[in-house]
Amino acid sequence: MKLDGLGEAAVSSVVFAGIGVVVFAAAFWLITKIAPFSIRKEIEEDQNTSLGIIIAGVLVGIALIISAAVHG
């Protein structure tokens, strides 16, 4: 079993995971700023399930794009 590049691979994985989380958080922040209404109020107080499903779909799509970019 080769363990020569294990440390370098671990550091690389942590760096790319951190970059992915930052980009994901920035995308979610951008979605909340672009929306002409309060997403929190619509989902929590008004029980708008369809908005929750739409936001979840957008976030899954962004996560897939980020994971593909990190994977190479």
PDB file of N, CA and C in Angstrom:
ATOM      1  N   MET A   1       0.844  -1.173   0.000  1.00  0.00           N
ATOM      2  CA  MET A   1       0.000   0.000   0.000  1.00  0.00           C
ATOM      3  C   MET A   1       0.888   1.234   0.000  1.00  0.00           C
ATOM      4  N   LYS A   2       0.648   2.149  -0.932  1.00  0.00           N
ATOM      5  CA  LYS A   2       1.484   3.339  -1.027  1.00  0.00           C
ATOM      6  C   LYS A   2       0.871   4.483  -0.221  1.00  0.00           C
ATOM      7  N   LEU A   3       1.641   4.993   0.710  1.00  0.00           N
ATOM      8  CA  LEU A   3       1.192   6.094   1.551  1.00  0.00           C
ATOM      9  C   LEU A   3       2.037   7.345   1.336  1.00  0.00           C
ATOM     10  N   ASP A   4       2.792   7.379   0.241  1.00  0.00           N
ATOM     11  CA  ASP A   4       3.708   8.499   0.008  1.00  0.00           C
ATOM     12  C   ASP A   4       2.969   9.823  -0.139  1.00  0.00           C
ATOM     13  N   GLY A   5       1.921   9.872  -0.923  1.00  0.00           N
ATOM     14  CA  GLY A   5       1.225  11.125  -1.200  1.00  0.00           C
ATOM     15  C   GLY A   5      -0.027  11.322  -0.369  1.00  0.00           C
ATOM     16  N   LEU A   6      -0.159  10.568   0.728  1.00  0.00           N
ATOM     17  CA  LEU A   6      -1.377  10.643   1.535  1.00  0.00           C
ATOM     18  C   LEU A   6      -1.551  12.006   2.183  1.00  0.00           C
ATOM     19  N   GLY A   7      -0.490  12.568   2.736  1.00  0.00           N
ATOM     20  CA  GLY A   7      -0.593  13.872   3.383  1.00  0.00           C
ATOM     21  C   GLY A   7      -0.947  14.962   2.390  1.00  0.00           C
ATOM     22  N   GLU A   8      -0.318  14.928   1.227  1.00  0.00           N
ATOM     23  CA  GLU A   8      -0.604  15.930   0.196  1.00  0.00           C
ATOM     24  C   GLU A   8      -2.046  15.803  -0.299  1.00  0.00           C
ATOM     25  N   ALA A   9      -2.511  14.569  -0.461  1.00  0.00           N
ATOM     26  CA  ALA A   9      -3.883  14.347  -0.909  1.00  0.00           C
ATOM     27  C   ALA A   9      -4.892  14.810   0.145  1.00  0.00           C
ATOM     28  N   ALA A  10      -4.585  14.604   1.420  1.00  0.00           N
ATOM     29  CA  ALA A  10      -5.487  15.030   2.490  1.00  0.00           C
ATOM     30  C   ALA A  10      -5.590  16.549   2.541  1.00  0.00           C
ATOM     31  N   VAL A  11      -4.446  17.231   2.425  1.00  0.00           N
ATOM     32  CA  VAL A  11      -4.457  18.700   2.441  1.00  0.00           C
ATOM     33  C   VAL A  11      -5.208  19.229   1.229  1.00  0.00           C
ATOM     34  N   SER A  12      -4.977  18.632   0.082  1.00  0.00           N
ATOM     35  CA  SER A  12      -5.669  19.043  -1.139  1.00  0.00           C
ATOM     36  C   SER A  12      -7.179  18.859  -1.000  1.00  0.00           C
ATOM     37  N   SER A  13      -7.596  17.750  -0.419  1.00  0.00           N
ATOM     38  CA  SER A  13      -9.025  17.492  -0.226  1.00  0.00           C
ATOM     39  C   SER A  13      -9.655  18.514   0.700  1.00  0.00           C
ATOM     40  N   VAL A  14      -8.966  18.850   1.784  1.00  0.00           N
ATOM     41  CA  VAL A  14      -9.493  19.832   2.731  1.00  0.00           C
ATOM     42  C   VAL A  14      -9.601  21.209   2.083  1.00  0.00           C
ATOM     43  N   VAL A  15      -8.602  21.591   1.300  1.00  0.00           N
ATOM     44  CA  VAL A  15      -8.628  22.896   0.631  1.00  0.00           C
ATOM     45  C   VAL A  15      -9.785  22.969  -0.362  1.00  0.00           C
ATOM     46  N   PHE A  16      -9.943  21.931  -1.191  1.00  0.00           N
ATOM     47  CA  PHE A  16     -11.027  21.938  -2.166  1.00  0.00           C
ATOM     48  C   PHE A  16     -12.394  21.872  -1.497  1.00  0.00           C
ATOM     49  N   ALA A  17     -12.516  21.146  -0.396  1.00  0.00           N
ATOM     50  CA  ALA A  17     -13.783  21.107   0.332  1.00  0.00           C
ATOM     51  C   ALA A  17     -14.113  22.475   0.909  1.00  0.00           C
ATOM     52  N   GLY A  18     -13.110  23.168   1.435  1.00  0.00           N
ATOM     53  CA  GLY A  18     -13.328  24.517   1.959  1.00  0.00           C
ATOM     54  C   GLY A  18     -13.756  25.484   0.875  1.00  0.00           C
ATOM     55  N   ILE A  19     -13.106  25.410  -0.277  1.00  0.00           N
ATOM     56  CA  ILE A  19     -13.485  26.276  -1.398  1.00  0.00           C
ATOM     57  C   ILE A  19     -14.918  25.965  -1.843  1.00  0.00           C
ATOM     58  N   GLY A  20     -15.270  24.689  -1.892  1.00  0.00           N
ATOM     59  CA  GLY A  20     -16.620  24.295  -2.281  1.00  0.00           C
ATOM     60  C   GLY A  20     -17.674  24.813  -1.324  1.00  0.00           C
ATOM     61  N   VAL A  21     -17.401  24.737  -0.035  1.00  0.00           N
ATOM     62  CA  VAL A  21     -18.353  25.230   0.964  1.00  0.00           C
ATOM     63  C   VAL A  21     -18.519  26.739   0.856  1.00  0.00           C
ATOM     64  N   VAL A  22     -17.423  27.457   0.620  1.00  0.00           N
ATOM     65  CA  VAL A  22     -17.502  28.916   0.484  1.00  0.00           C
ATOM     66  C   VAL A  22     -18.310  29.302  -0.748  1.00  0.00           C
ATOM     67  N   VAL A  23     -18.081  28.632  -1.867  1.00  0.00           N
ATOM     68  CA  VAL A  23     -18.834  28.928  -3.088  1.00  0.00           C
ATOM     69  C   VAL A  23     -20.308  28.581  -2.905  1.00  0.00           C
ATOM     70  N   PHE A  24     -20.598  27.472  -2.242  1.00  0.00           N
ATOM     71  CA  PHE A  24     -21.976  27.080  -1.975  1.00  0.00           C
ATOM     72  C   PHE A  24     -22.681  28.108  -1.091  1.00  0.00           C
ATOM     73  N   ALA A  25     -22.008  28.572  -0.049  1.00  0.00           N
ATOM     74  CA  ALA A  25     -22.590  29.580   0.837  1.00  0.00           C
ATOM     75  C   ALA A  25     -22.823  30.896   0.096  1.00  0.00           C
ATOM     76  N   ALA A  26     -21.875  31.271  -0.767  1.00  0.00           N
ATOM     77  CA  ALA A  26     -22.037  32.497  -1.555  1.00  0.00           C
ATOM     78  C   ALA A  26     -23.223  32.374  -2.509  1.00  0.00           C
ATOM     79  N   ALA A  27     -23.415  31.207  -3.095  1.00  0.00           N
ATOM     80  CA  ALA A  27     -24.551  31.001  -3.993  1.00  0.00           C
ATOM     81  C   ALA A  27     -25.871  31.100  -3.228  1.00  0.00           C
ATOM     82  N   PHE A  28     -25.934  30.522  -2.039  1.00  0.00           N
ATOM     83  CA  PHE A  28     -27.161  30.616  -1.243  1.00  0.00           C
ATOM     84  C   PHE A  28     -27.422  32.056  -0.830  1.00  0.00           C
ATOM     85  N   TRP A  29     -26.382  32.779  -0.447  1.00  0.00           N
ATOM     86  CA  TRP A  29     -26.542  34.187  -0.081  1.00  0.00           C
ATOM     87  C   TRP A  29     -27.065  34.991  -1.274  1.00  0.00           C
ATOM     88  N   LEU A  30     -26.536  34.704  -2.458  1.00  0.00           N
ATOM     89  CA  LEU A  30     -26.974  35.399  -3.661  1.00  0.00           C
ATOM     90  C   LEU A  30     -28.441  35.104  -3.970  1.00  0.00           C
ATOM     91  N   ILE A  31     -28.870  33.868  -3.777  1.00  0.00           N
ATOM     92  CA  ILE A  31     -30.274  33.514  -4.002  1.00  0.00           C
ATOM     93  C   ILE A  31     -31.180  34.302  -3.068  1.00  0.00           C
ATOM     94  N   THR A  32     -30.791  34.415  -1.800  1.00  0.00           N
ATOM     95  CA  THR A  32     -31.629  35.149  -0.847  1.00  0.00           C
ATOM     96  C   THR A  32     -31.668  36.643  -1.153  1.00  0.00           C
ATOM     97  N   LYS A  33     -30.598  37.189  -1.718  1.00  0.00           N
ATOM     98  CA  LYS A  33     -30.574  38.611  -2.047  1.00  0.00           C
ATOM     99  C   LYS A  33     -31.327  38.915  -3.335  1.00  0.00           C
ATOM    100  N   ILE A  34     -31.331  37.986  -4.292  1.00  0.00           N
ATOM    101  CA  ILE A  34     -32.009  38.205  -5.569  1.00  0.00           C
ATOM    102  C   ILE A  34     -33.527  38.096  -5.421  1.00  0.00           C
ATOM    103  N   ALA A  35     -33.984  37.233  -4.538  1.00  0.00           N
ATOM    104  CA  ALA A  35     -35.424  37.013  -4.374  1.00  0.00           C
ATOM    105  C   ALA A  35     -36.105  38.313  -3.914  1.00  0.00           C
ATOM    106  N   PRO A  36     -37.239  38.659  -4.536  1.00  0.00           N
ATOM    107  CA  PRO A  36     -37.927  39.909  -4.173  1.00  0.00           C
ATOM    108  C   PRO A  36     -38.750  39.795  -2.889  1.00  0.00           C
ATOM    109  N   PHE A  37     -38.628  38.698  -2.183  1.00  0.00           N
ATOM    110  CA  PHE A  37     -39.367  38.470  -0.943  1.00  0.00           C
ATOM    111  C   PHE A  37     -38.468  37.763   0.055  1.00  0.00           C
ATOM    112  N   SER A  38     -38.910  37.666   1.283  1.00  0.00           N
ATOM    113  CA  SER A  38     -38.132  36.992   2.324  1.00  0.00           C
ATOM    114  C   SER A  38     -38.321  35.478   2.201  1.00  0.00           C
ATOM    115  N   ILE A  39     -37.250  34.791   1.857  1.00  0.00           N
ATOM    116  CA  ILE A  39     -37.325  33.335   1.706  1.00  0.00           C
ATOM    117  C   ILE A  39     -37.613  32.682   3.052  1.00  0.00           C
ATOM    118  N   ARG A  40     -36.991  33.186   4.116  1.00  0.00           N
ATOM    119  CA  ARG A  40     -37.223  32.624   5.450  1.00  0.00           C
ATOM    120  C   ARG A  40     -38.692  32.743   5.847  1.00  0.00           C
ATOM    121  N   LYS A  41     -39.288  33.917   5.625  1.00  0.00           N
ATOM    122  CA  LYS A  41     -40.690  34.117   5.986  1.00  0.00           C
ATOM    123  C   LYS A  41     -41.599  33.212   5.164  1.00  0.00           C
ATOM    124  N   GLU A  42     -41.341  33.117   3.885  1.00  0.00           N
ATOM    125  CA  GLU A  42     -42.190  32.292   3.018  1.00  0.00           C
ATOM    126  C   GLU A  42     -42.143  30.824   3.418  1.00  0.00           C
ATOM    127  N   ILE A  43     -40.969  30.308   3.739  1.00  0.00           N
ATOM    128  CA  ILE A  43     -40.848  28.882   4.055  1.00  0.00           C
ATOM    129  C   ILE A  43     -41.288  28.587   5.480  1.00  0.00           C
ATOM    130  N   GLU A  44     -40.825  29.385   6.444  1.00  0.00           N
ATOM    131  CA  GLU A  44     -41.117  29.090   7.857  1.00  0.00           C
ATOM    132  C   GLU A  44     -42.516  29.512   8.280  1.00  0.00           C
ATOM    133  N   GLU A  45     -42.877  30.769   8.023  1.00  0.00           N
ATOM    134  CA  GLU A  45     -44.143  31.282   8.543  1.00  0.00           C
ATOM    135  C   GLU A  45     -45.331  30.954   7.645  1.00  0.00           C
ATOM    136  N   ASP A  46     -45.159  31.110   6.326  1.00  0.00           N
ATOM    137  CA  ASP A  46     -46.270  30.885   5.400  1.00  0.00           C
ATOM    138  C   ASP A  46     -46.372  29.443   4.922  1.00  0.00           C
ATOM    139  N   GLN A  47     -45.428  28.577   5.346  1.00  0.00           N
ATOM    140  CA  GLN A  47     -45.440  27.147   5.004  1.00  0.00           C
ATOM    141  C   GLN A  47     -45.483  26.926   3.489  1.00  0.00           C
ATOM    142  N   ASN A  48     -44.690  27.680   2.746  1.00  0.00           N
ATOM    143  CA  ASN A  48     -44.642  27.586   1.294  1.00  0.00           C
ATOM    144  C   ASN A  48     -43.724  26.426   0.897  1.00  0.00           C
ATOM    145  N   THR A  49     -44.297  25.242   0.768  1.00  0.00           N
ATOM    146  CA  THR A  49     -43.536  24.037   0.474  1.00  0.00           C
ATOM    147  C   THR A  49     -42.913  24.081  -0.911  1.00  0.00           C
ATOM    148  N   SER A  50     -43.638  24.637  -1.869  1.00  0.00           N
ATOM    149  CA  SER A  50     -43.116  24.670  -3.239  1.00  0.00           C
ATOM    150  C   SER A  50     -41.853  25.519  -3.332  1.00  0.00           C
ATOM    151  N   LEU A  51     -41.787  26.617  -2.599  1.00  0.00           N
ATOM    152  CA  LEU A  51     -40.571  27.430  -2.594  1.00  0.00           C
ATOM    153  C   LEU A  51     -39.413  26.655  -1.976  1.00  0.00           C
ATOM    154  N   GLY A  52     -39.677  25.905  -0.938  1.00  0.00           N
ATOM    155  CA  GLY A  52     -38.637  25.079  -0.332  1.00  0.00           C
ATOM    156  C   GLY A  52     -38.099  24.039  -1.297  1.00  0.00           C
ATOM    157  N   ILE A  53     -38.986  23.444  -2.086  1.00  0.00           N
ATOM    158  CA  ILE A  53     -38.560  22.452  -3.073  1.00  0.00           C
ATOM    159  C   ILE A  53     -37.737  23.112  -4.172  1.00  0.00           C
ATOM    160  N   ILE A  54     -38.144  24.290  -4.620  1.00  0.00           N
ATOM    161  CA  ILE A  54     -37.396  25.002  -5.663  1.00  0.00           C
ATOM    162  C   ILE A  54     -36.008  25.387  -5.166  1.00  0.00           C
ATOM    163  N   ILE A  55     -35.918  25.937  -3.962  1.00  0.00           N
ATOM    164  CA  ILE A  55     -34.620  26.323  -3.397  1.00  0.00           C
ATOM    165  C   ILE A  55     -33.739  25.080  -3.219  1.00  0.00           C
ATOM    166  N   ALA A  56     -34.314  23.982  -2.760  1.00  0.00           N
ATOM    167  CA  ALA A  56     -33.543  22.743  -2.593  1.00  0.00           C
ATOM    168  C   ALA A  56     -33.010  22.252  -3.939  1.00  0.00           C
ATOM    169  N   GLY A  57     -33.825  22.332  -4.983  1.00  0.00           N
ATOM    170  CA  GLY A  57     -33.376  21.920  -6.312  1.00  0.00           C
ATOM    171  C   GLY A  57     -32.232  22.774  -6.823  1.00  0.00           C
ATOM    172  N   VAL A  58     -32.329  24.077  -6.602  1.00  0.00           N
ATOM    173  CA  VAL A  58     -31.254  24.983  -7.026  1.00  0.00           C
ATOM    174  C   VAL A  58     -29.970  24.671  -6.259  1.00  0.00           C
ATOM    175  N   LEU A  59     -30.080  24.453  -4.967  1.00  0.00           N
ATOM    176  CA  LEU A  59     -28.896  24.165  -4.164  1.00  0.00           C
ATOM    177  C   LEU A  59     -28.271  22.820  -4.524  1.00  0.00           C
ATOM    178  N   VAL A  60     -29.079  21.820  -4.844  1.00  0.00           N
ATOM    179  CA  VAL A  60     -28.534  20.535  -5.278  1.00  0.00           C
ATOM    180  C   VAL A  60     -27.808  20.703  -6.607  1.00  0.00           C
ATOM    181  N   GLY A  61     -28.388  21.483  -7.507  1.00  0.00           N
ATOM    182  CA  GLY A  61     -27.720  21.751  -8.784  1.00  0.00           C
ATOM    183  C   GLY A  61     -26.390  22.451  -8.598  1.00  0.00           C
ATOM    184  N   ILE A  62     -26.345  23.442  -7.719  1.00  0.00           N
ATOM    185  CA  ILE A  62     -25.091  24.150  -7.444  1.00  0.00           C
ATOM    186  C   ILE A  62     -24.079  23.200  -6.818  1.00  0.00           C
ATOM    187  N   ALA A  63     -24.539  22.346  -5.904  1.00  0.00           N
ATOM    188  CA  ALA A  63     -23.633  21.380  -5.275  1.00  0.00           C
ATOM    189  C   ALA A  63     -23.058  20.408  -6.299  1.00  0.00           C
ATOM    190  N   LEU A  64     -23.854  19.981  -7.270  1.00  0.00           N
ATOM    191  CA  LEU A  64     -23.358  19.081  -8.317  1.00  0.00           C
ATOM    192  C   LEU A  64     -22.308  19.776  -9.188  1.00  0.00           C
ATOM    193  N   ILE A  65     -22.540  21.029  -9.512  1.00  0.00           N
ATOM    194  CA  ILE A  65     -21.579  21.782 -10.308  1.00  0.00           C
ATOM    195  C   ILE A  65     -20.267  21.944  -9.544  1.00  0.00           C
ATOM    196  N   ILE A  66     -20.343  22.290  -8.270  1.00  0.00           N
ATOM    197  CA  ILE A  66     -19.141  22.461  -7.459  1.00  0.00           C
ATOM    198  C   ILE A  66     -18.391  21.137  -7.331  1.00  0.00           C
ATOM    199  N   SER A  67     -19.115  20.051  -7.094  1.00  0.00           N
ATOM    200  CA  SER A  67     -18.434  18.757  -6.945  1.00  0.00           C
ATOM    201  C   SER A  67     -17.778  18.324  -8.241  1.00  0.00           C
ATOM    202  N   ALA A  68     -18.398  18.605  -9.374  1.00  0.00           N
ATOM    203  CA  ALA A  68     -17.771  18.271 -10.659  1.00  0.00           C
ATOM    204  C   ALA A  68     -16.529  19.111 -10.910  1.00  0.00           C
ATOM    205  N   ALA A  69     -16.581  20.372 -10.512  1.00  0.00           N
ATOM    206  CA  ALA A  69     -15.412  21.241 -10.687  1.00  0.00           C
ATOM    207  C   ALA A  69     -14.260  20.812  -9.785  1.00  0.00           C
ATOM    208  N   VAL A  70     -14.554  20.411  -8.573  1.00  0.00           N
ATOM    209  CA  VAL A  70     -13.518  19.967  -7.647  1.00  0.00           C
ATOM    210  C   VAL A  70     -12.937  18.623  -8.082  1.00  0.00           C
ATOM    211  N   HIS A  71     -13.808  17.763  -8.550  1.00  0.00           N
ATOM    212  CA  HIS A  71     -13.367  16.417  -8.956  1.00  0.00           C
ATOM    213  C   HIS A  71     -12.451  16.462 -10.177  1.00  0.00           C
ATOM    214  N   GLY A  72     -12.678  17.416 -11.022  1.00  0.00           N
ATOM    215  CA  GLY A  72     -11.720  17.618 -12.084  1.00  0.00           C
ATOM    216  C   GLY A  72     -12.224  17.397 -13.438  1.00  0.00           C
TER     217      GLY A  72
END
